[in-house]
Amino acid sequence: MNQITIQNTNSHNFSKPINCPFYQILVFDGSAKFEINLTQYVCSGSTILFLTPNQQFKWLDANKTELKLIQFHGDYYCIEYHKNMISCNGILFNNIYEKPFFNINKSYYDEIVNTIEKMDNEIQNETVSPFTDSIVKSYLQLILSISSKEKSKYLVNLKPNELPNKDLVYFQDLVEKHYKTERSMAFYASEFSLSTDAFSKKIKKQFSKSPSQLVNERVILEAKKLLHLTYKSIKEIAQELNFEDEFYFSRYFKKNVGISPSSYRKNVGISIVAK
C-alpha cells in the first residue's frame, strides 16, 4: 500500500470490522450508523469522519452509502510534526471524549470533496513530477485545516444547555491525572461519593462510553503516543504506564488494539519528531 491513497468506495466495504494502520478520513452525505472500537454512533447530513491508526471501524447501516476515503501513513504526514501549523491532533484525531466526526456545511463539504478529487487526479497522473508529493500534501493540509477550523466551532460555540457540568470536567481531569496509576472504577466513583453503578451511568450518559472504557482508551492513547513518538523500548513504556511487566502490557494492548505493541510500532513507524 502506498503512503497515501484516495478511494471512491461505499459503506458495504466496511460491513466487517476494519483495523487499518493508516490515518483515515471518510467523507459522506446521508444517514449512517457505525461502530468505532465497539462504541456505536449515528449521524446524518454532510459528515466527515476521522480515524487514527488501528481503530476498529465497522459500518452497521444496511443502506449503501457512497464514501470518499483518504488513507495516509504517519510517515507521509506527521500530525505531531505539523501541530504548530494545523492543530488537528486532539481536535480531529486522538480525542477520546469527543465524537470522531462532525457535520460540515454544504460549501465546505463541496470544497473538501473537490479537493479530494484534485488529490486523486494528481496521484493518478501518469506524468511523473517532482512537485506531485508537495501538491498532494498541500491538499491534505487544506482539508485538515478546514476540518480543524469547523470542528473547533463545535467546541467553542456550545449552547448553555450543552455545556458539560463541573462533575464531568472533574472526571476528565481525574483521568488525565491518574490514568497511569488508577484503572479501578471504584477509585473514580469514590471521588464522586457514588456507587460504581451510579457513577458508570452518569459518565456513560454524557460520553456514550463507560468510565472504564474511557480510562482504557486514555491508556492506549498514551501507549500509542509513546510507541510512535519515542524510541523507548516496550519494557520502558510498560514501566511508564505502570504495568507489572512488558508481557502484561503487551496482552493489554493487543486486547484493546487487536495487534501487539511491537506490531503497532512496525506498522505506524517511529515519527520524525521522536525523542
Protein backbone atom coordinates (compact mmCIF):
# COMPACT_ATOMS: atom_id res chain seq x y z
CA MET A 1 0.00 0.00 0.00
CA ASN A 2 1.28 3.49 -0.86
CA GLN A 3 1.79 6.02 1.90
CA ILE A 4 -1.34 7.88 0.77
CA THR A 5 -4.33 6.59 -1.20
CA ILE A 6 -7.62 8.07 -2.35
CA GLN A 7 -10.63 5.82 -2.93
CA ASN A 8 -14.19 6.21 -4.10
CA THR A 9 -15.81 3.43 -2.13
CA ASN A 10 -19.04 2.59 -0.30
CA SER A 11 -20.19 1.53 3.13
CA HIS A 12 -20.62 -2.14 2.18
CA ASN A 13 -16.82 -2.43 2.12
CA PHE A 14 -16.85 -1.71 5.86
CA SER A 15 -19.54 -4.23 6.80
CA LYS A 16 -16.82 -6.27 8.52
CA PRO A 17 -14.51 -4.70 11.13
CA ILE A 18 -11.57 -2.85 9.59
CA ASN A 19 -8.36 -2.33 11.57
CA CYS A 20 -6.12 -0.13 9.41
CA PRO A 21 -2.59 1.07 10.34
CA PHE A 22 -3.17 4.36 8.49
CA TYR A 23 -4.92 7.58 9.42
CA GLN A 24 -8.27 7.61 7.63
CA ILE A 25 -10.66 10.38 6.61
CA LEU A 26 -14.13 9.37 5.38
CA VAL A 27 -16.40 11.92 3.71
CA PHE A 28 -20.05 11.10 3.01
CA ASP A 29 -23.54 12.55 2.81
CA GLY A 30 -26.64 10.91 4.31
CA SER A 31 -27.69 8.95 7.37
CA ALA A 32 -25.24 6.46 8.84
CA LYS A 33 -24.74 4.11 11.74
CA PHE A 34 -21.28 2.76 12.52
CA GLU A 35 -19.10 1.42 15.30
CA ILE A 36 -15.65 2.56 16.39
CA ASN A 37 -13.87 0.46 19.00
CA LEU A 38 -17.24 -1.10 19.92
CA THR A 39 -18.92 2.29 20.53
CA GLN A 40 -21.90 2.91 18.24
CA TYR A 41 -22.62 6.26 16.59
CA VAL A 42 -25.46 7.61 14.45
CA CYS A 43 -25.25 10.65 12.21
CA SER A 44 -26.88 12.27 9.19
CA GLY A 45 -26.15 15.01 6.69
CA SER A 46 -22.78 16.01 5.23
CA THR A 47 -20.28 14.30 7.51
CA ILE A 48 -16.51 13.98 7.82
CA LEU A 49 -15.08 11.22 10.00
CA PHE A 50 -11.51 10.82 11.30
CA LEU A 51 -9.90 7.54 12.36
CA THR A 52 -6.46 7.04 13.90
CA PRO A 53 -4.24 4.02 13.11
CA ASN A 54 -5.68 0.70 14.27
CA GLN A 55 -9.03 1.99 15.45
CA GLN A 56 -11.51 -0.78 14.74
CA PHE A 57 -14.22 0.51 12.42
CA LYS A 58 -17.41 -1.19 11.21
CA TRP A 59 -20.38 0.16 9.26
CA LEU A 60 -23.67 -1.01 10.77
CA ASP A 61 -26.25 0.60 8.47
CA ALA A 62 -27.54 -1.79 5.78
CA ASN A 63 -28.11 1.05 3.31
CA LYS A 64 -25.37 1.61 0.75
CA THR A 65 -23.64 4.96 1.24
CA GLU A 66 -21.06 6.35 -1.16
CA LEU A 67 -17.83 7.40 0.54
CA LYS A 68 -14.68 9.25 -0.32
CA LEU A 69 -11.76 7.78 1.63
CA ILE A 70 -8.30 9.19 2.28
CA GLN A 71 -5.73 6.92 3.93
CA PHE A 72 -2.29 8.20 4.83
CA HIS A 73 0.64 6.89 6.85
CA GLY A 74 2.07 8.86 9.76
CA ASP A 75 5.43 8.94 7.98
CA TYR A 76 3.79 10.63 4.99
CA TYR A 77 2.17 13.39 7.02
CA CYS A 78 3.03 13.58 10.70
CA ILE A 79 0.25 15.39 12.54
CA GLU A 80 2.53 15.91 15.55
CA TYR A 81 5.28 17.47 13.42
CA HIS A 82 2.79 19.88 11.83
CA LYS A 83 0.94 20.70 15.05
CA ASN A 84 2.09 24.33 15.06
CA MET A 85 0.64 24.80 11.56
CA ILE A 86 -2.51 22.71 11.96
CA SER A 87 -3.77 21.75 15.40
CA CYS A 88 -5.68 18.67 14.25
CA ASN A 89 -4.15 16.35 16.87
CA GLY A 90 -6.63 16.40 19.75
CA ILE A 91 -9.32 18.08 17.64
CA LEU A 92 -9.80 15.75 14.68
CA PHE A 93 -7.72 12.82 15.92
CA ASN A 94 -6.92 11.37 19.35
CA ASN A 95 -9.69 12.89 21.45
CA ILE A 96 -11.35 10.15 23.48
CA TYR A 97 -14.01 12.50 24.91
CA GLU A 98 -15.38 13.87 21.64
CA LYS A 99 -17.14 12.17 18.74
CA PRO A 100 -14.62 11.48 15.93
CA PHE A 101 -16.89 13.05 13.30
CA PHE A 102 -18.98 16.17 12.73
CA ASN A 103 -21.41 17.71 10.27
CA ILE A 104 -19.95 20.23 7.89
CA ASN A 105 -21.83 22.91 5.96
CA LYS A 106 -22.55 22.40 2.27
CA SER A 107 -20.00 24.86 0.92
CA TYR A 108 -17.10 23.40 2.91
CA TYR A 109 -18.30 19.87 2.18
CA ASP A 110 -18.22 20.59 -1.54
CA GLU A 111 -14.79 22.19 -1.22
CA ILE A 112 -13.40 19.14 0.59
CA VAL A 113 -14.89 16.74 -1.96
CA ASN A 114 -13.45 18.85 -4.77
CA THR A 115 -10.04 18.90 -3.06
CA ILE A 116 -10.07 15.12 -2.67
CA GLU A 117 -10.78 14.78 -6.40
CA LYS A 118 -7.83 17.07 -7.15
CA MET A 119 -5.62 14.93 -4.89
CA ASP A 120 -6.73 11.79 -6.71
CA ASN A 121 -6.09 13.34 -10.12
CA GLU A 122 -2.62 14.39 -9.03
CA ILE A 123 -1.79 10.92 -7.66
CA GLN A 124 -3.16 9.15 -10.75
CA ASN A 125 -1.36 11.46 -13.19
CA GLU A 126 0.96 9.30 -15.29
CA THR A 127 3.36 12.21 -15.78
CA VAL A 128 5.99 11.92 -13.07
CA SER A 129 6.64 15.30 -11.44
CA PRO A 130 8.93 16.26 -8.55
CA PHE A 131 6.13 18.56 -7.36
CA THR A 132 3.40 15.91 -7.05
CA ASP A 133 4.17 15.00 -3.46
CA SER A 134 4.19 18.63 -2.31
CA ILE A 135 0.91 19.35 -4.12
CA VAL A 136 -0.85 16.31 -2.61
CA LYS A 137 0.40 17.20 0.89
CA SER A 138 -0.83 20.76 0.41
CA TYR A 139 -4.28 19.46 -0.50
CA LEU A 140 -4.28 17.18 2.55
CA GLN A 141 -3.20 20.09 4.72
CA LEU A 142 -6.05 22.21 3.32
CA ILE A 143 -8.60 19.51 4.20
CA LEU A 144 -7.19 19.18 7.74
CA SER A 145 -7.15 22.98 8.17
CA ILE A 146 -10.78 23.42 7.08
CA SER A 147 -11.86 20.49 9.22
CA SER A 148 -9.97 21.70 12.31
CA LYS A 149 -11.50 25.16 11.97
CA GLU A 150 -15.02 23.82 11.54
CA LYS A 151 -14.70 21.20 14.29
CA SER A 152 -13.37 23.87 16.67
CA LYS A 153 -16.64 25.77 16.26
CA TYR A 154 -18.46 22.83 17.86
CA LEU A 155 -16.14 23.03 20.85
CA VAL A 156 -16.45 26.78 21.48
CA ASN A 157 -19.98 27.58 20.29
CA LEU A 158 -21.89 25.28 22.62
CA LYS A 159 -25.35 26.32 23.75
CA PRO A 160 -25.76 26.83 27.50
CA ASN A 161 -27.68 23.55 27.92
CA GLU A 162 -24.88 21.68 26.12
CA LEU A 163 -22.07 22.80 28.40
CA PRO A 164 -20.52 19.88 30.32
CA ASN A 165 -21.17 20.17 34.02
CA LYS A 166 -18.38 20.58 36.57
CA ASP A 167 -18.54 16.92 37.60
CA LEU A 168 -17.77 15.74 34.07
CA VAL A 169 -14.93 18.22 33.69
CA TYR A 170 -13.62 17.00 37.02
CA PHE A 171 -13.79 13.39 35.78
CA GLN A 172 -11.70 14.27 32.72
CA ASP A 173 -9.17 15.98 34.98
CA LEU A 174 -9.06 12.90 37.22
CA VAL A 175 -8.46 10.60 34.27
CA GLU A 176 -5.67 12.82 32.93
CA LYS A 177 -4.03 12.90 36.35
CA HIS A 178 -4.42 9.26 37.39
CA TYR A 179 -4.83 7.03 34.30
CA LYS A 180 -1.29 5.69 34.62
CA THR A 181 -1.78 4.51 38.19
CA GLU A 182 -5.52 4.11 38.79
CA ARG A 183 -7.63 1.90 36.50
CA SER A 184 -10.19 0.77 39.07
CA MET A 185 -13.62 2.35 38.67
CA ALA A 186 -14.00 2.18 42.45
CA PHE A 187 -11.30 4.85 42.75
CA TYR A 188 -13.04 7.27 40.37
CA ALA A 189 -16.51 6.55 41.80
CA SER A 190 -15.26 7.24 45.32
CA GLU A 191 -14.08 10.69 44.20
CA PHE A 192 -17.74 11.45 43.43
CA SER A 193 -19.11 9.67 46.53
CA LEU A 194 -21.13 7.39 44.23
CA SER A 195 -21.50 3.66 43.82
CA THR A 196 -19.70 2.26 40.78
CA ASP A 197 -23.05 1.58 39.06
CA ALA A 198 -24.39 5.12 39.61
CA PHE A 199 -21.04 6.58 38.57
CA SER A 200 -20.91 4.49 35.38
CA LYS A 201 -24.42 5.55 34.37
CA LYS A 202 -23.56 9.21 34.96
CA ILE A 203 -20.45 9.09 32.77
CA LYS A 204 -21.94 6.94 30.02
CA LYS A 205 -24.91 9.29 29.68
CA GLN A 206 -22.53 12.13 28.78
CA PHE A 207 -19.85 10.37 26.70
CA SER A 208 -21.71 7.30 25.36
CA LYS A 209 -18.81 5.32 26.82
CA SER A 210 -18.37 3.70 30.20
CA PRO A 211 -15.75 5.23 32.53
CA SER A 212 -13.67 2.05 32.31
CA GLN A 213 -13.68 2.33 28.52
CA LEU A 214 -12.54 5.96 28.72
CA VAL A 215 -9.72 5.11 31.10
CA ASN A 216 -8.63 2.20 28.91
CA GLU A 217 -8.74 4.42 25.82
CA ARG A 218 -6.61 7.03 27.58
CA VAL A 219 -4.02 4.39 28.50
CA ILE A 220 -3.99 3.06 24.93
CA LEU A 221 -3.76 6.58 23.50
CA GLU A 222 -0.67 7.23 25.61
CA ALA A 223 0.80 3.84 24.71
CA LYS A 224 0.36 4.60 21.01
CA LYS A 225 1.93 8.02 21.52
CA LEU A 226 4.97 6.52 23.26
CA LEU A 227 5.34 3.84 20.59
CA HIS A 228 5.14 6.36 17.76
CA LEU A 229 6.80 9.46 19.23
CA THR A 230 9.64 7.97 21.30
CA TYR A 231 12.42 5.41 20.96
CA LYS A 232 11.55 3.86 24.32
CA SER A 233 11.52 0.08 24.47
CA ILE A 234 8.32 -1.88 25.10
CA LYS A 235 9.63 -2.62 28.58
CA GLU A 236 10.24 1.07 29.32
CA ILE A 237 6.76 2.01 28.05
CA ALA A 238 5.20 -0.71 30.21
CA GLN A 239 7.01 0.69 33.25
CA GLU A 240 5.98 4.26 32.45
CA LEU A 241 2.33 3.20 32.23
CA ASN A 242 2.63 1.28 35.50
CA PHE A 243 2.14 -2.26 34.19
CA GLU A 244 3.58 -5.21 36.10
CA ASP A 245 5.78 -6.16 33.17
CA GLU A 246 6.05 -5.82 29.40
CA PHE A 247 4.19 -9.10 28.83
CA TYR A 248 1.10 -7.97 30.72
CA PHE A 249 1.26 -4.63 28.88
CA SER A 250 1.51 -6.43 25.53
CA ARG A 251 -1.56 -8.56 26.32
CA TYR A 252 -3.50 -5.46 27.45
CA PHE A 253 -2.52 -3.55 24.31
CA LYS A 254 -3.39 -6.41 21.96
CA LYS A 255 -6.77 -6.94 23.64
CA ASN A 256 -7.68 -3.27 23.05
CA VAL A 257 -6.00 -2.60 19.70
CA GLY A 258 -6.01 -6.01 18.02
CA ILE A 259 -2.25 -6.19 17.47
CA SER A 260 0.83 -6.27 19.71
CA PRO A 261 2.78 -3.11 20.64
CA SER A 262 5.73 -4.23 18.53
CA SER A 263 3.46 -4.82 15.51
CA TYR A 264 1.84 -1.43 16.01
CA ARG A 265 5.24 0.29 16.08
CA LYS A 266 6.31 -1.62 12.98
CA ASN A 267 3.12 -0.63 11.13
CA VAL A 268 2.97 3.07 12.03
CA GLY A 269 6.71 3.64 12.32
CA ILE A 270 8.59 5.97 14.65
CA SER A 271 7.88 9.62 14.00
CA ILE A 272 10.47 12.10 12.74
CA VAL A 273 9.82 14.07 15.95
CA ALA A 274 10.57 11.07 18.18
CA LYS A 275 12.79 11.68 21.18
